[in-house]
């Protein structure tokens, strides 16, 4: 059984104090062993506060990005070993905003995946198509190209260490959400691609998350789909009450 993962990507939000306030509001309501795994990815400047605030709780710490080199003259970057030392277990890689605003290529994303695994971080690899690509019927073509580029030369064992997050670009921060059926179709394609290019056991064991305007009102329908194993959440992860409702999706 694949344990669901509800992951919050705070993007460029929350100070250290706001991080502590969020933890104080959320943590008293956690602790049920039947709940999904939970991860929070704050901004780099709030990692230390988050590590302290969530210490001893079920909440895992993640980072929103990493640089592929371990150290060196790379002003403004943060490496995977530094994130691991800061208490991170997860790292988000290849988010559409990184691809769009910072022109990250699949080859560069591949280097990040390798660096993260070398540092014993669990990468969440993001994939997704634009609205124009979806309307042109190119969703599966785009997803296949992104997978092939990011996972070139990977073994089944390496690939099995990843979590994938399908995030249709047209649904991120727009209020538009892929229907449960649209999301399931893309997730089924991803699992099928992994099965064909690696092996069925690897594909079956990997968690596939959906991201794109996930909210308390739609999380249950999305999570009811066969190949959706969790959510990578932006805006709804910033409010403790909303995020708790996502974690408790089985109650909705």
Protein backbone atom coordinates (compact mmCIF):
# COMPACT_ATOMS: atom_id res chain seq x y z
CA UNK A 1 0.00 0.00 0.00
CA UNK A 2 1.22 3.49 -0.88
CA UNK A 3 0.84 5.78 2.13
CA UNK A 4 -0.64 9.12 1.02
CA UNK A 5 1.52 12.22 1.28
CA UNK A 6 0.09 15.71 1.78
CA UNK A 7 2.88 18.20 1.10
CA UNK A 8 2.69 21.96 1.60
CA UNK A 9 4.77 24.21 -0.65
CA UNK A 10 4.77 27.63 0.98
CA UNK A 11 6.61 29.26 -1.94
CA UNK A 12 7.63 32.84 -1.05
CA UNK A 13 5.52 33.18 2.10
CA UNK A 14 5.87 33.18 5.91
CA UNK A 15 8.44 34.64 8.25
CA UNK A 16 9.98 32.66 11.10
CA UNK A 17 7.33 33.94 13.50
CA UNK A 18 4.51 33.11 11.08
CA UNK A 19 5.99 29.63 10.76
CA UNK A 20 5.87 29.15 14.52
CA UNK A 21 2.29 30.41 14.62
CA UNK A 22 1.27 27.97 11.89
CA UNK A 23 2.85 25.05 13.75
CA UNK A 24 1.13 26.05 17.00
CA UNK A 25 -2.23 26.06 15.22
CA UNK A 26 -1.72 22.77 13.37
CA UNK A 27 0.12 20.43 15.71
CA UNK A 28 -2.52 19.98 18.43
CA UNK A 29 -4.76 18.35 15.83
CA UNK A 30 -2.26 15.80 14.54
CA UNK A 31 -1.09 12.45 15.85
CA UNK A 32 -3.60 9.96 14.44
CA UNK A 33 -1.62 7.02 13.11
CA UNK A 34 -4.11 6.57 10.27
CA UNK A 35 -3.44 9.99 8.80
CA UNK A 36 -1.26 10.50 5.71
CA UNK A 37 2.36 11.52 5.82
CA UNK A 38 2.68 15.29 6.07
CA UNK A 39 5.44 17.55 4.76
CA UNK A 40 5.96 21.31 4.88
CA UNK A 41 8.42 23.14 2.59
CA UNK A 42 9.00 26.68 3.93
CA UNK A 43 11.28 29.35 2.51
CA UNK A 44 14.97 28.81 3.25
CA UNK A 45 15.01 31.56 5.90
CA UNK A 46 12.29 29.77 7.89
CA UNK A 47 13.81 26.28 7.78
CA UNK A 48 15.44 26.59 11.20
CA UNK A 49 12.22 27.89 12.78
CA UNK A 50 10.23 25.10 11.12
CA UNK A 51 12.69 22.45 12.27
CA UNK A 52 12.32 23.65 15.86
CA UNK A 53 8.54 24.15 15.69
CA UNK A 54 7.80 20.72 14.19
CA UNK A 55 10.42 18.77 16.17
CA UNK A 56 9.01 15.55 17.58
CA UNK A 57 5.85 15.82 15.48
CA UNK A 58 4.69 13.76 12.48
CA UNK A 59 5.42 16.69 10.14
CA UNK A 60 8.41 16.19 7.86
CA UNK A 61 10.54 19.11 6.71
CA UNK A 62 11.18 19.79 3.03
CA UNK A 63 12.91 22.38 0.87
CA UNK A 64 11.55 24.07 -2.22
CA UNK A 65 14.69 23.74 -4.32
CA UNK A 66 18.36 22.80 -4.26
CA UNK A 67 21.48 23.41 -6.33
CA UNK A 68 23.20 20.41 -7.96
CA UNK A 69 26.69 21.20 -6.66
CA UNK A 70 27.55 20.36 -3.06
CA UNK A 71 29.68 23.46 -2.45
CA UNK A 72 31.59 26.16 -4.27
CA UNK A 73 31.39 29.68 -5.67
CA UNK A 74 27.65 29.68 -6.33
CA UNK A 75 26.36 32.86 -4.71
CA UNK A 76 22.76 32.69 -3.55
CA UNK A 77 22.34 28.93 -3.93
CA UNK A 78 21.68 26.22 -1.32
CA UNK A 79 23.03 22.71 -1.77
CA UNK A 80 21.45 19.37 -0.98
CA UNK A 81 23.96 18.50 1.80
CA UNK A 82 23.21 21.83 3.51
CA UNK A 83 19.49 21.13 3.33
CA UNK A 84 19.99 17.69 4.84
CA UNK A 85 22.07 19.22 7.64
CA UNK A 86 19.27 21.75 8.21
CA UNK A 87 16.87 18.89 8.93
CA UNK A 88 15.17 18.45 5.57
CA UNK A 89 13.97 15.03 4.50
CA UNK A 90 12.35 16.08 1.21
CA UNK A 91 13.18 18.52 -1.57
CA UNK A 92 10.91 19.75 -4.38
CA UNK A 93 12.63 19.66 -7.77
CA UNK A 94 11.49 20.83 -11.19
CA UNK A 95 8.49 22.88 -10.09
CA UNK A 96 6.89 24.66 -13.05
CA UNK A 97 7.81 28.03 -11.54
CA UNK A 98 11.46 26.99 -11.54
CA UNK A 99 11.15 25.82 -15.14
CA UNK A 100 9.30 28.97 -16.23
CA UNK A 101 11.03 31.77 -14.32
CA UNK A 102 14.53 30.31 -14.06
CA UNK A 103 14.63 28.35 -17.33
CA UNK A 104 15.53 25.05 -15.65
CA UNK A 105 15.93 22.31 -18.23
CA UNK A 106 15.22 18.61 -17.80
CA UNK A 107 18.98 17.98 -17.88
CA UNK A 108 19.56 20.48 -15.06
CA UNK A 109 16.68 18.96 -13.09
CA UNK A 110 18.30 15.54 -13.54
CA UNK A 111 21.49 16.86 -11.94
CA UNK A 112 19.45 18.14 -8.99
CA UNK A 113 17.77 14.77 -8.54
CA UNK A 114 21.15 13.04 -8.42
CA UNK A 115 22.52 15.58 -5.94
CA UNK A 116 19.48 15.23 -3.70
CA UNK A 117 19.71 11.45 -3.60
CA UNK A 118 23.45 11.62 -2.95
CA UNK A 119 22.64 13.77 0.10
CA UNK A 120 19.98 11.28 1.27
CA UNK A 121 17.09 13.62 0.49
CA UNK A 122 13.85 12.32 -1.02
CA UNK A 123 13.12 14.30 -4.19
CA UNK A 124 9.61 15.26 -5.28
CA UNK A 125 9.90 15.62 -9.06
CA UNK A 126 7.31 17.98 -10.56
CA UNK A 127 5.90 17.53 -14.06
CA UNK A 128 3.12 19.21 -15.98
CA UNK A 129 1.85 20.71 -19.21
CA UNK A 130 0.70 24.21 -20.16
CA UNK A 131 -2.85 25.04 -21.20
CA UNK A 132 -1.75 25.37 -24.84
CA UNK A 133 -0.13 21.94 -24.71
CA UNK A 134 -3.23 20.36 -23.17
CA UNK A 135 -5.53 21.95 -25.72
CA UNK A 136 -3.23 20.69 -28.48
CA UNK A 137 -3.56 17.15 -27.12
CA UNK A 138 0.11 17.03 -26.12
CA UNK A 139 -0.22 16.30 -22.39
CA UNK A 140 1.20 12.78 -22.56
CA UNK A 141 3.90 13.80 -25.01
CA UNK A 142 5.08 16.58 -22.68
CA UNK A 143 4.98 14.38 -19.57
CA UNK A 144 6.90 11.63 -21.36
CA UNK A 145 9.56 14.08 -22.51
CA UNK A 146 9.95 15.51 -19.01
CA UNK A 147 10.30 12.04 -17.50
CA UNK A 148 12.75 10.86 -20.15
CA UNK A 149 14.93 13.95 -19.73
CA UNK A 150 14.96 13.96 -15.95
CA UNK A 151 15.43 10.20 -15.52
CA UNK A 152 17.95 9.53 -18.29
CA UNK A 153 20.37 6.85 -17.12
CA UNK A 154 18.45 6.14 -13.91
CA UNK A 155 18.07 2.58 -12.67
CA UNK A 156 14.82 1.19 -11.32
CA UNK A 157 16.26 1.39 -7.81
CA UNK A 158 17.10 5.08 -8.22
CA UNK A 159 13.73 5.89 -9.76
CA UNK A 160 11.93 4.09 -6.97
CA UNK A 161 13.33 6.62 -4.50
CA UNK A 162 11.41 9.46 -6.13
CA UNK A 163 7.96 10.88 -5.60
CA UNK A 164 6.32 12.41 -8.68
CA UNK A 165 3.99 15.40 -8.58
CA UNK A 166 1.76 16.02 -11.57
CA UNK A 167 1.06 19.74 -11.66
CA UNK A 168 -0.74 21.01 -14.75
CA UNK A 169 0.65 24.51 -15.20
CA UNK A 170 -2.77 25.87 -16.12
CA UNK A 171 -4.12 24.85 -12.70
CA UNK A 172 -1.35 26.22 -10.44
CA UNK A 173 -2.53 29.26 -8.51
CA UNK A 174 -5.32 29.94 -10.99
CA UNK A 175 -8.25 28.50 -9.08
CA UNK A 176 -8.77 26.06 -11.94
CA UNK A 177 -8.33 22.42 -11.02
CA UNK A 178 -8.02 19.42 -13.25
CA UNK A 179 -11.11 17.30 -12.82
CA UNK A 180 -10.56 14.09 -10.86
CA UNK A 181 -10.85 12.21 -14.17
CA UNK A 182 -8.32 14.46 -15.93
CA UNK A 183 -5.89 14.13 -13.04
CA UNK A 184 -6.35 10.36 -12.89
CA UNK A 185 -5.73 10.01 -16.62
CA UNK A 186 -2.42 11.84 -16.35
CA UNK A 187 -1.41 9.90 -13.24
CA UNK A 188 -2.26 6.62 -14.98
CA UNK A 189 -0.09 7.66 -17.91
CA UNK A 190 2.81 8.45 -15.59
CA UNK A 191 2.53 5.10 -13.84
CA UNK A 192 2.27 3.32 -17.17
CA UNK A 193 5.33 5.13 -18.51
CA UNK A 194 7.32 4.16 -15.41
CA UNK A 195 6.19 0.55 -15.76
CA UNK A 196 7.21 0.41 -19.42
CA UNK A 197 10.53 2.20 -19.03
CA UNK A 198 11.57 0.64 -15.72
CA UNK A 199 9.43 -2.16 -14.29
CA UNK A 200 5.91 -2.71 -12.93
CA UNK A 201 7.05 -3.11 -9.33
CA UNK A 202 8.86 0.23 -9.36
CA UNK A 203 5.87 1.96 -10.94
CA UNK A 204 3.40 0.40 -8.54
CA UNK A 205 5.42 1.38 -5.48
CA UNK A 206 5.94 5.04 -6.35
CA UNK A 207 3.74 7.77 -4.92
CA UNK A 208 2.20 10.13 -7.48
CA UNK A 209 0.91 13.42 -6.11
CA UNK A 210 -1.49 15.88 -7.71
CA UNK A 211 -0.84 19.62 -7.48
CA UNK A 212 -2.86 22.50 -8.86
CA UNK A 213 -5.37 24.49 -6.78
CA UNK A 214 -6.03 21.63 -4.35
CA UNK A 215 -8.51 22.83 -1.74
CA UNK A 216 -10.62 21.34 1.06
CA UNK A 217 -13.57 21.27 -1.31
CA UNK A 218 -11.94 19.07 -3.96
CA UNK A 219 -9.31 17.04 -2.12
CA UNK A 220 -11.55 14.04 -1.34
CA UNK A 221 -12.61 13.60 -4.97
CA UNK A 222 -9.02 13.81 -6.15
CA UNK A 223 -7.74 11.42 -3.50
CA UNK A 224 -10.41 8.86 -4.41
CA UNK A 225 -8.72 8.24 -7.75
CA UNK A 226 -6.76 5.01 -8.11
CA UNK A 227 -3.39 6.51 -9.05
CA UNK A 228 -3.44 9.70 -6.96
CA UNK A 229 -1.45 9.13 -3.78
CA UNK A 230 -1.40 12.59 -2.30
CA UNK A 231 -1.21 16.29 -3.02
CA UNK A 232 1.43 18.97 -3.42
CA UNK A 233 -0.41 22.04 -2.17
CA UNK A 234 0.36 25.72 -2.56
CA UNK A 235 -2.13 28.33 -1.36
CA UNK A 236 -4.22 26.01 0.81
CA UNK A 237 -1.12 24.99 2.77
CA UNK A 238 -0.65 28.52 4.09
CA UNK A 239 -3.67 28.38 6.37
CA UNK A 240 -3.48 25.84 9.20
CA UNK A 241 -7.23 25.14 9.18
CA UNK A 242 -7.32 24.58 5.41
CA UNK A 243 -4.21 22.40 5.52
CA UNK A 244 -5.66 20.31 8.35
CA UNK A 245 -8.76 19.67 6.25
CA UNK A 246 -6.54 18.40 3.44
CA UNK A 247 -4.70 16.11 5.86
CA UNK A 248 -8.08 14.83 7.06
CA UNK A 249 -9.34 14.22 3.52
CA UNK A 250 -10.79 10.85 4.56
CA UNK A 251 -13.27 12.67 6.81
CA UNK A 252 -14.65 14.81 4.00
